[in-house]
PDB file of N, CA and C in Angstrom:
ATOM      1  N   MET A   1      -0.079 -88.146  43.133  1.00  0.00           N
ATOM      2  CA  MET A   1       0.835 -87.223  42.485  1.00  0.00           C
ATOM      3  C   MET A   1       0.959 -87.549  40.990  1.00  0.00           C
ATOM      4  N   ILE A   2       1.098 -88.833  40.678  1.00  0.00           N
ATOM      5  CA  ILE A   2       1.254 -89.226  39.277  1.00  0.00           C
ATOM      6  C   ILE A   2      -0.012 -88.931  38.479  1.00  0.00           C
ATOM      7  N   GLU A   3      -1.160 -89.010  39.135  1.00  0.00           N
ATOM      8  CA  GLU A   3      -2.425 -88.717  38.447  1.00  0.00           C
ATOM      9  C   GLU A   3      -2.490 -87.245  38.053  1.00  0.00           C
ATOM     10  N   ALA A   4      -2.002 -86.356  38.921  1.00  0.00           N
ATOM     11  CA  ALA A   4      -1.981 -84.929  38.599  1.00  0.00           C
ATOM     12  C   ALA A   4      -1.076 -84.676  37.402  1.00  0.00           C
ATOM     13  N   LEU A   5       0.027 -85.389  37.332  1.00  0.00           N
ATOM     14  CA  LEU A   5       0.949 -85.251  36.208  1.00  0.00           C
ATOM     15  C   LEU A   5       0.316 -85.777  34.922  1.00  0.00           C
ATOM     16  N   LYS A   6      -0.399 -86.881  34.999  1.00  0.00           N
ATOM     17  CA  LYS A   6      -1.046 -87.452  33.818  1.00  0.00           C
ATOM     18  C   LYS A   6      -2.128 -86.532  33.258  1.00  0.00           C
ATOM     19  N   GLN A   7      -2.734 -85.717  34.104  1.00  0.00           N
ATOM     20  CA  GLN A   7      -3.785 -84.808  33.644  1.00  0.00           C
ATOM     21  C   GLN A   7      -3.235 -83.641  32.839  1.00  0.00           C
ATOM     22  N   ASN A   8      -1.951 -83.356  32.975  1.00  0.00           N
ATOM     23  CA  ASN A   8      -1.306 -82.304  32.195  1.00  0.00           C
ATOM     24  C   ASN A   8      -0.599 -82.989  31.023  1.00  0.00           C
ATOM     25  N   LYS A   9      -1.262 -83.034  29.866  1.00  0.00           N
ATOM     26  CA  LYS A   9      -0.766 -83.806  28.723  1.00  0.00           C
ATOM     27  C   LYS A   9       0.653 -83.428  28.308  1.00  0.00           C
ATOM     28  N   GLU A  10       0.940 -82.134  28.240  1.00  0.00           N
ATOM     29  CA  GLU A  10       2.262 -81.703  27.802  1.00  0.00           C
ATOM     30  C   GLU A  10       3.355 -82.181  28.761  1.00  0.00           C
ATOM     31  N   LEU A  11       3.119 -82.036  30.065  1.00  0.00           N
ATOM     32  CA  LEU A  11       4.113 -82.489  31.038  1.00  0.00           C
ATOM     33  C   LEU A  11       4.218 -84.011  31.073  1.00  0.00           C
ATOM     34  N   TRP A  12       3.084 -84.709  30.922  1.00  0.00           N
ATOM     35  CA  TRP A  12       3.121 -86.167  30.914  1.00  0.00           C
ATOM     36  C   TRP A  12       3.915 -86.672  29.710  1.00  0.00           C
ATOM     37  N   ASP A  13       3.718 -86.055  28.554  1.00  0.00           N
ATOM     38  CA  ASP A  13       4.471 -86.447  27.366  1.00  0.00           C
ATOM     39  C   ASP A  13       5.963 -86.194  27.553  1.00  0.00           C
ATOM     40  N   LEU A  14       6.300 -85.095  28.218  1.00  0.00           N
ATOM     41  CA  LEU A  14       7.708 -84.804  28.497  1.00  0.00           C
ATOM     42  C   LEU A  14       8.272 -85.828  29.480  1.00  0.00           C
ATOM     43  N   PHE A  15       7.544 -86.101  30.555  1.00  0.00           N
ATOM     44  CA  PHE A  15       7.975 -87.058  31.581  1.00  0.00           C
ATOM     45  C   PHE A  15       8.168 -88.455  30.997  1.00  0.00           C
ATOM     46  N   SER A  16       7.254 -88.877  30.161  1.00  0.00           N
ATOM     47  CA  SER A  16       7.319 -90.231  29.586  1.00  0.00           C
ATOM     48  C   SER A  16       8.133 -90.284  28.299  1.00  0.00           C
ATOM     49  N   LYS A  17       8.611 -89.129  27.844  1.00  0.00           N
ATOM     50  CA  LYS A  17       9.402 -89.024  26.605  1.00  0.00           C
ATOM     51  C   LYS A  17       8.650 -89.611  25.417  1.00  0.00           C
ATOM     52  N   ARG A  18       7.381 -89.276  25.324  1.00  0.00           N
ATOM     53  CA  ARG A  18       6.487 -89.814  24.296  1.00  0.00           C
ATOM     54  C   ARG A  18       7.040 -89.642  22.885  1.00  0.00           C
ATOM     55  N   GLU A  19       7.672 -88.515  22.617  1.00  0.00           N
ATOM     56  CA  GLU A  19       8.154 -88.262  21.257  1.00  0.00           C
ATOM     57  C   GLU A  19       9.281 -89.209  20.842  1.00  0.00           C
ATOM     58  N   GLU A  20       9.878 -89.909  21.788  1.00  0.00           N
ATOM     59  CA  GLU A  20      10.963 -90.825  21.455  1.00  0.00           C
ATOM     60  C   GLU A  20      10.485 -92.205  21.024  1.00  0.00           C
ATOM     61  N   TYR A  21       9.186 -92.486  21.187  1.00  0.00           N
ATOM     62  CA  TYR A  21       8.640 -93.769  20.770  1.00  0.00           C
ATOM     63  C   TYR A  21       8.307 -93.714  19.278  1.00  0.00           C
ATOM     64  N   ASN A  22       8.745 -94.697  18.548  1.00  0.00           N
ATOM     65  CA  ASN A  22       8.491 -94.798  17.105  1.00  0.00           C
ATOM     66  C   ASN A  22       8.880 -93.544  16.322  1.00  0.00           C
ATOM     67  N   PRO A  23      10.114 -93.094  16.448  1.00  0.00           N
ATOM     68  CA  PRO A  23      10.514 -91.898  15.695  1.00  0.00           C
ATOM     69  C   PRO A  23      10.647 -92.189  14.204  1.00  0.00           C
ATOM     70  N   LEU A  24      10.436 -91.177  13.396  1.00  0.00           N
ATOM     71  CA  LEU A  24      10.598 -91.337  11.950  1.00  0.00           C
ATOM     72  C   LEU A  24      12.069 -91.408  11.572  1.00  0.00           C
ATOM     73  N   ILE A  25      12.898 -90.740  12.375  1.00  0.00           N
ATOM     74  CA  ILE A  25      14.333 -90.706  12.108  1.00  0.00           C
ATOM     75  C   ILE A  25      15.063 -91.100  13.388  1.00  0.00           C
ATOM     76  N   SER A  26      16.123 -91.888  13.256  1.00  0.00           N
ATOM     77  CA  SER A  26      16.964 -92.220  14.402  1.00  0.00           C
ATOM     78  C   SER A  26      18.420 -92.209  13.943  1.00  0.00           C
ATOM     79  N   ASP A  27      19.330 -92.128  14.909  1.00  0.00           N
ATOM     80  CA  ASP A  27      20.745 -92.104  14.542  1.00  0.00           C
ATOM     81  C   ASP A  27      21.253 -93.534  14.327  1.00  0.00           C
ATOM     82  N   GLN A  28      22.534 -93.666  14.112  1.00  0.00           N
ATOM     83  CA  GLN A  28      23.102 -94.982  13.808  1.00  0.00           C
ATOM     84  C   GLN A  28      22.965 -95.976  14.958  1.00  0.00           C
ATOM     85  N   TYR A  29      22.690 -95.472  16.182  1.00  0.00           N
ATOM     86  CA  TYR A  29      22.514 -96.341  17.342  1.00  0.00           C
ATOM     87  C   TYR A  29      21.037 -96.493  17.722  1.00  0.00           C
ATOM     88  N   GLN A  30      20.152 -96.131  16.805  1.00  0.00           N
ATOM     89  CA  GLN A  30      18.692 -96.226  16.986  1.00  0.00           C
ATOM     90  C   GLN A  30      18.165 -95.314  18.097  1.00  0.00           C
ATOM     91  N   ARG A  31      18.836 -94.177  18.312  1.00  0.00           N
ATOM     92  CA  ARG A  31      18.391 -93.217  19.321  1.00  0.00           C
ATOM     93  C   ARG A  31      17.616 -92.086  18.661  1.00  0.00           C
ATOM     94  N   PHE A  32      16.733 -91.495  19.429  1.00  0.00           N
ATOM     95  CA  PHE A  32      15.971 -90.335  18.967  1.00  0.00           C
ATOM     96  C   PHE A  32      16.907 -89.135  18.903  1.00  0.00           C
ATOM     97  N   PRO A  33      16.972 -88.423  17.779  1.00  0.00           N
ATOM     98  CA  PRO A  33      17.882 -87.279  17.674  1.00  0.00           C
ATOM     99  C   PRO A  33      17.349 -86.057  18.431  1.00  0.00           C
ATOM    100  N   TYR A  34      18.190 -85.502  19.266  1.00  0.00           N
ATOM    101  CA  TYR A  34      17.829 -84.363  20.107  1.00  0.00           C
ATOM    102  C   TYR A  34      17.319 -83.184  19.275  1.00  0.00           C
ATOM    103  N   TYR A  35      17.896 -82.954  18.120  1.00  0.00           N
ATOM    104  CA  TYR A  35      17.513 -81.787  17.324  1.00  0.00           C
ATOM    105  C   TYR A  35      16.068 -81.846  16.830  1.00  0.00           C
ATOM    106  N   LEU A  36      15.428 -83.014  16.901  1.00  0.00           N
ATOM    107  CA  LEU A  36      14.027 -83.131  16.508  1.00  0.00           C
ATOM    108  C   LEU A  36      13.056 -82.949  17.685  1.00  0.00           C
ATOM    109  N   SER A  37      13.583 -82.802  18.877  1.00  0.00           N
ATOM    110  CA  SER A  37      12.745 -82.717  20.066  1.00  0.00           C
ATOM    111  C   SER A  37      12.005 -81.385  20.157  1.00  0.00           C
ATOM    112  N   LYS A  38      10.774 -81.452  20.674  1.00  0.00           N
ATOM    113  CA  LYS A  38      10.020 -80.221  20.961  1.00  0.00           C
ATOM    114  C   LYS A  38      10.533 -79.580  22.238  1.00  0.00           C
ATOM    115  N   HIS A  39      11.181 -80.363  23.076  1.00  0.00           N
ATOM    116  CA  HIS A  39      11.652 -79.907  24.385  1.00  0.00           C
ATOM    117  C   HIS A  39      13.159 -79.687  24.316  1.00  0.00           C
ATOM    118  N   ARG A  40      13.540 -78.511  23.885  1.00  0.00           N
ATOM    119  CA  ARG A  40      14.951 -78.235  23.633  1.00  0.00           C
ATOM    120  C   ARG A  40      15.706 -77.717  24.850  1.00  0.00           C
ATOM    121  N   ASN A  41      14.991 -77.237  25.867  1.00  0.00           N
ATOM    122  CA  ASN A  41      15.676 -76.682  27.030  1.00  0.00           C
ATOM    123  C   ASN A  41      15.824 -77.771  28.092  1.00  0.00           C
ATOM    124  N   ILE A  42      16.855 -78.595  27.951  1.00  0.00           N
ATOM    125  CA  ILE A  42      17.034 -79.721  28.855  1.00  0.00           C
ATOM    126  C   ILE A  42      17.502 -79.286  30.242  1.00  0.00           C
ATOM    127  N   LEU A  43      17.923 -78.043  30.388  1.00  0.00           N
ATOM    128  CA  LEU A  43      18.376 -77.551  31.693  1.00  0.00           C
ATOM    129  C   LEU A  43      17.240 -76.981  32.532  1.00  0.00           C
ATOM    130  N   GLU A  44      16.026 -76.965  31.993  1.00  0.00           N
ATOM    131  CA  GLU A  44      14.852 -76.466  32.715  1.00  0.00           C
ATOM    132  C   GLU A  44      14.041 -77.669  33.219  1.00  0.00           C
ATOM    133  N   PRO A  45      14.047 -77.927  34.523  1.00  0.00           N
ATOM    134  CA  PRO A  45      13.364 -79.108  35.065  1.00  0.00           C
ATOM    135  C   PRO A  45      11.853 -78.904  35.205  1.00  0.00           C
ATOM    136  N   GLU A  46      11.146 -78.866  34.097  1.00  0.00           N
ATOM    137  CA  GLU A  46       9.720 -78.540  34.087  1.00  0.00           C
ATOM    138  C   GLU A  46       8.883 -79.525  34.905  1.00  0.00           C
ATOM    139  N   VAL A  47       9.108 -80.811  34.730  1.00  0.00           N
ATOM    140  CA  VAL A  47       8.320 -81.814  35.447  1.00  0.00           C
ATOM    141  C   VAL A  47       8.633 -81.762  36.939  1.00  0.00           C
ATOM    142  N   SER A  48       9.893 -81.628  37.302  1.00  0.00           N
ATOM    143  CA  SER A  48      10.272 -81.541  38.711  1.00  0.00           C
ATOM    144  C   SER A  48       9.638 -80.328  39.379  1.00  0.00           C
ATOM    145  N   LYS A  49       9.642 -79.195  38.695  1.00  0.00           N
ATOM    146  CA  LYS A  49       9.008 -77.995  39.253  1.00  0.00           C
ATOM    147  C   LYS A  49       7.520 -78.226  39.487  1.00  0.00           C
ATOM    148  N   PHE A  50       6.870 -78.888  38.549  1.00  0.00           N
ATOM    149  CA  PHE A  50       5.444 -79.191  38.689  1.00  0.00           C
ATOM    150  C   PHE A  50       5.201 -80.085  39.897  1.00  0.00           C
ATOM    151  N   LEU A  51       5.994 -81.143  40.023  1.00  0.00           N
ATOM    152  CA  LEU A  51       5.814 -82.088  41.125  1.00  0.00           C
ATOM    153  C   LEU A  51       6.067 -81.439  42.480  1.00  0.00           C
ATOM    154  N   ILE A  52       7.123 -80.664  42.596  1.00  0.00           N
ATOM    155  CA  ILE A  52       7.428 -79.984  43.852  1.00  0.00           C
ATOM    156  C   ILE A  52       6.367 -78.938  44.159  1.00  0.00           C
ATOM    157  N   GLY A  53       5.895 -78.235  43.139  1.00  0.00           N
ATOM    158  CA  GLY A  53       4.841 -77.249  43.316  1.00  0.00           C
ATOM    159  C   GLY A  53       3.515 -77.864  43.744  1.00  0.00           C
ATOM    160  N   ASN A  54       3.353 -79.164  43.495  1.00  0.00           N
ATOM    161  CA  ASN A  54       2.139 -79.877  43.882  1.00  0.00           C
ATOM    162  C   ASN A  54       2.340 -80.744  45.121  1.00  0.00           C
ATOM    163  N   GLY A  55       3.372 -80.444  45.893  1.00  0.00           N
ATOM    164  CA  GLY A  55       3.529 -81.083  47.192  1.00  0.00           C
ATOM    165  C   GLY A  55       4.529 -82.214  47.306  1.00  0.00           C
ATOM    166  N   LEU A  56       5.292 -82.511  46.270  1.00  0.00           N
ATOM    167  CA  LEU A  56       6.302 -83.558  46.384  1.00  0.00           C
ATOM    168  C   LEU A  56       7.382 -83.084  47.339  1.00  0.00           C
ATOM    169  N   ASN A  57       7.715 -83.912  48.305  1.00  0.00           N
ATOM    170  CA  ASN A  57       8.741 -83.575  49.286  1.00  0.00           C
ATOM    171  C   ASN A  57       9.885 -84.567  49.141  1.00  0.00           C
ATOM    172  N   LEU A  58      11.064 -84.077  48.850  1.00  0.00           N
ATOM    173  CA  LEU A  58      12.222 -84.936  48.652  1.00  0.00           C
ATOM    174  C   LEU A  58      13.145 -84.864  49.854  1.00  0.00           C
ATOM    175  N   GLU A  59      13.707 -85.996  50.207  1.00  0.00           N
ATOM    176  CA  GLU A  59      14.694 -86.053  51.281  1.00  0.00           C
ATOM    177  C   GLU A  59      15.977 -86.614  50.696  1.00  0.00           C
ATOM    178  N   VAL A  60      17.085 -86.004  51.081  1.00  0.00           N
ATOM    179  CA  VAL A  60      18.386 -86.430  50.590  1.00  0.00           C
ATOM    180  C   VAL A  60      19.092 -87.179  51.705  1.00  0.00           C
ATOM    181  N   GLU A  61      19.615 -88.348  51.385  1.00  0.00           N
ATOM    182  CA  GLU A  61      20.323 -89.164  52.359  1.00  0.00           C
ATOM    183  C   GLU A  61      21.612 -88.479  52.788  1.00  0.00           C
ATOM    184  N   SER A  62      21.930 -88.570  54.051  1.00  0.00           N
ATOM    185  CA  SER A  62      23.163 -87.994  54.565  1.00  0.00           C
ATOM    186  C   SER A  62      24.355 -88.713  53.960  1.00  0.00           C
ATOM    187  N   THR A  63      25.366 -87.970  53.589  1.00  0.00           N
ATOM    188  CA  THR A  63      26.568 -88.579  53.009  1.00  0.00           C
ATOM    189  C   THR A  63      27.474 -89.160  54.090  1.00  0.00           C
ATOM    190  N   LYS A  64      27.239 -88.842  55.350  1.00  0.00           N
ATOM    191  CA  LYS A  64      28.078 -89.357  56.430  1.00  0.00           C
ATOM    192  C   LYS A  64      27.932 -90.858  56.592  1.00  0.00           C
ATOM    193  N   SER A  65      26.791 -91.405  56.238  1.00  0.00           N
ATOM    194  CA  SER A  65      26.567 -92.838  56.411  1.00  0.00           C
ATOM    195  C   SER A  65      27.138 -93.663  55.257  1.00  0.00           C
ATOM    196  N   ARG A  66      27.563 -93.013  54.224  1.00  0.00           N
ATOM    197  CA  ARG A  66      28.120 -93.731  53.071  1.00  0.00           C
ATOM    198  C   ARG A  66      29.608 -93.955  53.258  1.00  0.00           C
ATOM    199  N   MET A  67      30.086 -94.993  52.604  1.00  0.00           N
ATOM    200  CA  MET A  67      31.526 -95.233  52.625  1.00  0.00           C
ATOM    201  C   MET A  67      32.201 -94.200  51.718  1.00  0.00           C
ATOM    202  N   PRO A  68      33.376 -93.738  52.100  1.00  0.00           N
ATOM    203  CA  PRO A  68      34.063 -92.755  51.251  1.00  0.00           C
ATOM    204  C   PRO A  68      34.487 -93.376  49.918  1.00  0.00           C
ATOM    205  N   LEU A  69      34.508 -92.550  48.897  1.00  0.00           N
ATOM    206  CA  LEU A  69      34.983 -93.016  47.592  1.00  0.00           C
ATOM    207  C   LEU A  69      36.478 -93.222  47.638  1.00  0.00           C
ATOM    208  N   ARG A  70      36.930 -94.273  47.012  1.00  0.00           N
ATOM    209  CA  ARG A  70      38.365 -94.496  46.934  1.00  0.00           C
ATOM    210  C   ARG A  70      38.909 -93.731  45.736  1.00  0.00           C
ATOM    211  N   ARG A  71      39.996 -93.111  45.944  1.00  0.00           N
ATOM    212  CA  ARG A  71      40.641 -92.377  44.854  1.00  0.00           C
ATOM    213  C   ARG A  71      41.803 -93.216  44.341  1.00  0.00           C
ATOM    214  N   PHE A  72      41.864 -93.341  43.053  1.00  0.00           N
ATOM    215  CA  PHE A  72      42.921 -94.122  42.433  1.00  0.00           C
ATOM    216  C   PHE A  72      43.859 -93.160  41.717  1.00  0.00           C
ATOM    217  N   SER A  73      45.133 -93.418  41.840  1.00  0.00           N
ATOM    218  CA  SER A  73      46.102 -92.585  41.133  1.00  0.00           C
ATOM    219  C   SER A  73      46.781 -93.431  40.069  1.00  0.00           C
ATOM    220  N   ARG A  74      47.195 -92.762  39.036  1.00  0.00           N
ATOM    221  CA  ARG A  74      47.895 -93.450  37.953  1.00  0.00           C
ATOM    222  C   ARG A  74      49.357 -93.550  38.296  1.00  0.00           C
ATOM    223  N   ALA A  75      49.932 -94.690  37.990  1.00  0.00           N
ATOM    224  CA  ALA A  75      51.341 -94.906  38.300  1.00  0.00           C
ATOM    225  C   ALA A  75      52.216 -94.315  37.242  1.00  0.00           C
TER     226      ALA A  75
END
């Protein structure tokens, strides 16, 4: 599966966040600034769609086997 992703350069660069390595500009916390990204639609799961379209099968763990979250209230 990963080999199929590597063969698609644009998707591989998105998956590996290639543009964030050695940026010319970074913010005060040394992060890559979002406004410089080529991939501006962060709500579109392009890599996930590719992987699922190529046969990736995901299973979600049942929540019944997990311990319930404790809720804390403020006094």
